[in-house]
């Protein structure tokens, strides 16, 4: 297994872990401000996954902006 595929699998795993932990913490929060901050944290985790799976960096950075 080469270095790129090892880094790819760890990147996707970290992105999913960040997303799952953030979604759990949103379900436990009562304050609206904390929910907004945690939503941004989920967005960063999903950007990591999109950047890891995307075919090139430009496409990975443009897709989330087009969805919003």
N, C-alpha and C. Protein backbone atom coordinates (compact mmCIF):
# COMPACT_ATOMS: atom_id res chain seq x y z
N UNK A 1 0.85 -1.17 0.00
CA UNK A 1 0.00 0.00 0.00
C UNK A 1 0.89 1.23 0.00
N UNK A 2 0.64 2.13 -0.92
CA UNK A 2 1.49 3.31 -1.01
C UNK A 2 1.01 4.41 -0.07
N UNK A 3 1.78 5.45 -0.03
CA UNK A 3 1.55 6.55 0.92
C UNK A 3 0.25 7.28 0.63
N UNK A 4 -0.08 7.47 -0.65
CA UNK A 4 -1.28 8.23 -1.01
C UNK A 4 -2.55 7.51 -0.57
N UNK A 5 -2.63 6.22 -0.81
CA UNK A 5 -3.84 5.50 -0.42
C UNK A 5 -3.96 5.39 1.10
N UNK A 6 -2.84 5.31 1.80
CA UNK A 6 -2.87 5.30 3.26
C UNK A 6 -3.38 6.63 3.79
N UNK A 7 -2.89 7.73 3.21
CA UNK A 7 -3.33 9.06 3.62
C UNK A 7 -4.80 9.29 3.27
N UNK A 8 -5.23 8.78 2.12
CA UNK A 8 -6.61 8.92 1.70
C UNK A 8 -7.56 8.24 2.68
N UNK A 9 -7.25 7.01 3.07
CA UNK A 9 -8.15 6.29 3.97
C UNK A 9 -8.22 6.94 5.35
N UNK A 10 -7.09 7.45 5.82
CA UNK A 10 -7.11 8.14 7.12
C UNK A 10 -7.87 9.45 7.04
N UNK A 11 -7.76 10.16 5.92
CA UNK A 11 -8.47 11.44 5.76
C UNK A 11 -9.97 11.23 5.76
N UNK A 12 -10.45 10.24 5.04
CA UNK A 12 -11.88 9.97 5.00
C UNK A 12 -12.39 9.52 6.37
N UNK A 13 -11.61 8.72 7.06
CA UNK A 13 -12.01 8.26 8.40
C UNK A 13 -12.11 9.43 9.37
N UNK A 14 -11.14 10.32 9.33
CA UNK A 14 -11.18 11.50 10.22
C UNK A 14 -12.36 12.39 9.89
N UNK A 15 -12.66 12.56 8.61
CA UNK A 15 -13.83 13.37 8.22
C UNK A 15 -15.12 12.80 8.76
N UNK A 16 -15.29 11.48 8.65
CA UNK A 16 -16.51 10.85 9.17
C UNK A 16 -16.58 10.92 10.69
N UNK A 17 -15.46 10.75 11.36
CA UNK A 17 -15.44 10.84 12.83
C UNK A 17 -15.82 12.23 13.30
N UNK A 18 -15.26 13.27 12.64
CA UNK A 18 -15.61 14.65 12.99
C UNK A 18 -17.09 14.90 12.77
N UNK A 19 -17.63 14.42 11.66
CA UNK A 19 -19.06 14.61 11.38
C UNK A 19 -19.95 13.92 12.38
N UNK A 20 -19.63 12.70 12.75
CA UNK A 20 -20.47 11.95 13.70
C UNK A 20 -20.42 12.57 15.09
N UNK A 21 -19.23 12.95 15.54
CA UNK A 21 -19.12 13.58 16.87
C UNK A 21 -19.84 14.91 16.89
N UNK A 22 -19.74 15.68 15.82
CA UNK A 22 -20.43 16.97 15.77
C UNK A 22 -21.94 16.81 15.75
N UNK A 23 -22.45 15.84 15.00
CA UNK A 23 -23.89 15.62 14.99
C UNK A 23 -24.40 15.18 16.36
N UNK A 24 -23.62 14.36 17.06
CA UNK A 24 -24.01 13.94 18.41
C UNK A 24 -24.03 15.14 19.36
N UNK A 25 -23.02 16.00 19.25
CA UNK A 25 -22.98 17.15 20.16
C UNK A 25 -24.07 18.16 19.84
N UNK A 26 -24.48 18.26 18.58
CA UNK A 26 -25.61 19.14 18.25
C UNK A 26 -26.89 18.62 18.90
N UNK A 27 -27.06 17.33 18.93
CA UNK A 27 -28.27 16.77 19.55
C UNK A 27 -28.30 17.01 21.05
N UNK A 28 -27.15 17.24 21.67
CA UNK A 28 -27.08 17.46 23.12
C UNK A 28 -27.11 18.94 23.50
N UNK A 29 -26.97 19.85 22.52
CA UNK A 29 -26.86 21.28 22.82
C UNK A 29 -28.22 21.92 23.04
N UNK A 30 -28.24 22.93 23.88
CA UNK A 30 -29.45 23.71 24.11
C UNK A 30 -29.32 25.14 23.56
N UNK A 31 -28.10 25.63 23.45
CA UNK A 31 -27.87 27.01 23.01
C UNK A 31 -27.82 27.07 21.48
N UNK A 32 -28.46 28.09 20.91
CA UNK A 32 -28.49 28.24 19.46
C UNK A 32 -27.12 28.60 18.91
N UNK A 33 -26.36 29.41 19.63
CA UNK A 33 -25.04 29.81 19.15
C UNK A 33 -24.11 28.61 19.05
N UNK A 34 -24.16 27.74 20.04
CA UNK A 34 -23.33 26.54 19.98
C UNK A 34 -23.74 25.63 18.83
N UNK A 35 -25.03 25.56 18.51
CA UNK A 35 -25.46 24.75 17.38
C UNK A 35 -24.92 25.30 16.07
N UNK A 36 -24.89 26.61 15.94
CA UNK A 36 -24.34 27.22 14.72
C UNK A 36 -22.86 26.91 14.59
N UNK A 37 -22.12 27.01 15.69
CA UNK A 37 -20.69 26.71 15.64
C UNK A 37 -20.42 25.24 15.33
N UNK A 38 -21.23 24.36 15.90
CA UNK A 38 -21.06 22.94 15.62
C UNK A 38 -21.47 22.59 14.19
N UNK A 39 -22.43 23.32 13.64
CA UNK A 39 -22.79 23.11 12.24
C UNK A 39 -21.62 23.47 11.33
N UNK A 40 -20.89 24.53 11.67
CA UNK A 40 -19.69 24.87 10.91
C UNK A 40 -18.63 23.78 11.04
N UNK A 41 -18.53 23.17 12.19
CA UNK A 41 -17.57 22.08 12.37
C UNK A 41 -17.93 20.88 11.49
N UNK A 42 -19.22 20.58 11.37
CA UNK A 42 -19.65 19.51 10.47
C UNK A 42 -19.30 19.85 9.03
N UNK A 43 -19.48 21.12 8.67
CA UNK A 43 -19.14 21.54 7.31
C UNK A 43 -17.66 21.32 7.02
N UNK A 44 -16.80 21.61 7.98
CA UNK A 44 -15.37 21.40 7.77
C UNK A 44 -15.04 19.91 7.61
N UNK A 45 -15.70 19.08 8.39
CA UNK A 45 -15.48 17.64 8.25
C UNK A 45 -15.93 17.13 6.89
N UNK A 46 -17.06 17.63 6.41
CA UNK A 46 -17.53 17.21 5.10
C UNK A 46 -16.67 17.77 3.98
N UNK A 47 -16.11 18.97 4.17
CA UNK A 47 -15.17 19.51 3.18
C UNK A 47 -13.92 18.64 3.08
N UNK A 48 -13.49 18.10 4.21
CA UNK A 48 -12.33 17.18 4.18
C UNK A 48 -12.66 15.95 3.36
N UNK A 49 -13.85 15.42 3.52
CA UNK A 49 -14.23 14.23 2.75
C UNK A 49 -14.37 14.57 1.27
N UNK A 50 -14.98 15.70 0.95
CA UNK A 50 -15.13 16.10 -0.45
C UNK A 50 -13.76 16.33 -1.08
N UNK A 51 -12.86 16.97 -0.36
CA UNK A 51 -11.52 17.21 -0.90
C UNK A 51 -10.76 15.92 -1.08
N UNK A 52 -10.98 14.94 -0.23
CA UNK A 52 -10.28 13.66 -0.36
C UNK A 52 -10.83 12.84 -1.52
N UNK A 53 -12.12 12.92 -1.74
CA UNK A 53 -12.75 12.12 -2.78
C UNK A 53 -12.77 12.85 -4.13
N UNK A 54 -12.79 14.18 -4.11
CA UNK A 54 -12.88 14.96 -5.34
C UNK A 54 -11.73 14.69 -6.29
N UNK A 55 -11.99 14.86 -7.57
CA UNK A 55 -10.96 14.54 -8.57
C UNK A 55 -9.83 15.55 -8.58
N UNK A 56 -10.12 16.81 -8.31
CA UNK A 56 -9.05 17.80 -8.17
C UNK A 56 -9.46 18.86 -7.16
N UNK A 57 -8.51 19.67 -6.73
CA UNK A 57 -8.78 20.62 -5.64
C UNK A 57 -9.79 21.68 -6.04
N UNK A 58 -9.75 22.15 -7.25
CA UNK A 58 -10.70 23.19 -7.69
C UNK A 58 -12.13 22.67 -7.64
N UNK A 59 -12.35 21.46 -8.11
CA UNK A 59 -13.69 20.88 -8.08
C UNK A 59 -14.16 20.68 -6.65
N UNK A 60 -13.26 20.26 -5.78
CA UNK A 60 -13.63 20.00 -4.38
C UNK A 60 -13.98 21.29 -3.66
N UNK A 61 -13.38 22.39 -4.03
CA UNK A 61 -13.70 23.64 -3.36
C UNK A 61 -14.91 24.35 -3.96
N UNK A 62 -15.24 24.07 -5.21
CA UNK A 62 -16.37 24.72 -5.86
C UNK A 62 -17.69 24.03 -5.52
N UNK A 63 -17.71 22.71 -5.39
CA UNK A 63 -18.95 21.97 -5.17
C UNK A 63 -19.73 22.41 -3.93
N UNK A 64 -19.10 22.59 -2.76
CA UNK A 64 -19.92 23.02 -1.60
C UNK A 64 -20.52 24.40 -1.78
N UNK A 65 -19.85 25.29 -2.49
CA UNK A 65 -20.41 26.61 -2.74
C UNK A 65 -21.60 26.57 -3.67
N UNK A 66 -21.61 25.64 -4.60
CA UNK A 66 -22.72 25.52 -5.53
C UNK A 66 -23.95 24.90 -4.86
N UNK A 67 -23.74 24.02 -3.88
CA UNK A 67 -24.84 23.39 -3.20
C UNK A 67 -25.59 24.39 -2.32
N UNK A 68 -24.85 25.27 -1.67
CA UNK A 68 -25.46 26.26 -0.79
C UNK A 68 -26.13 27.29 -1.64
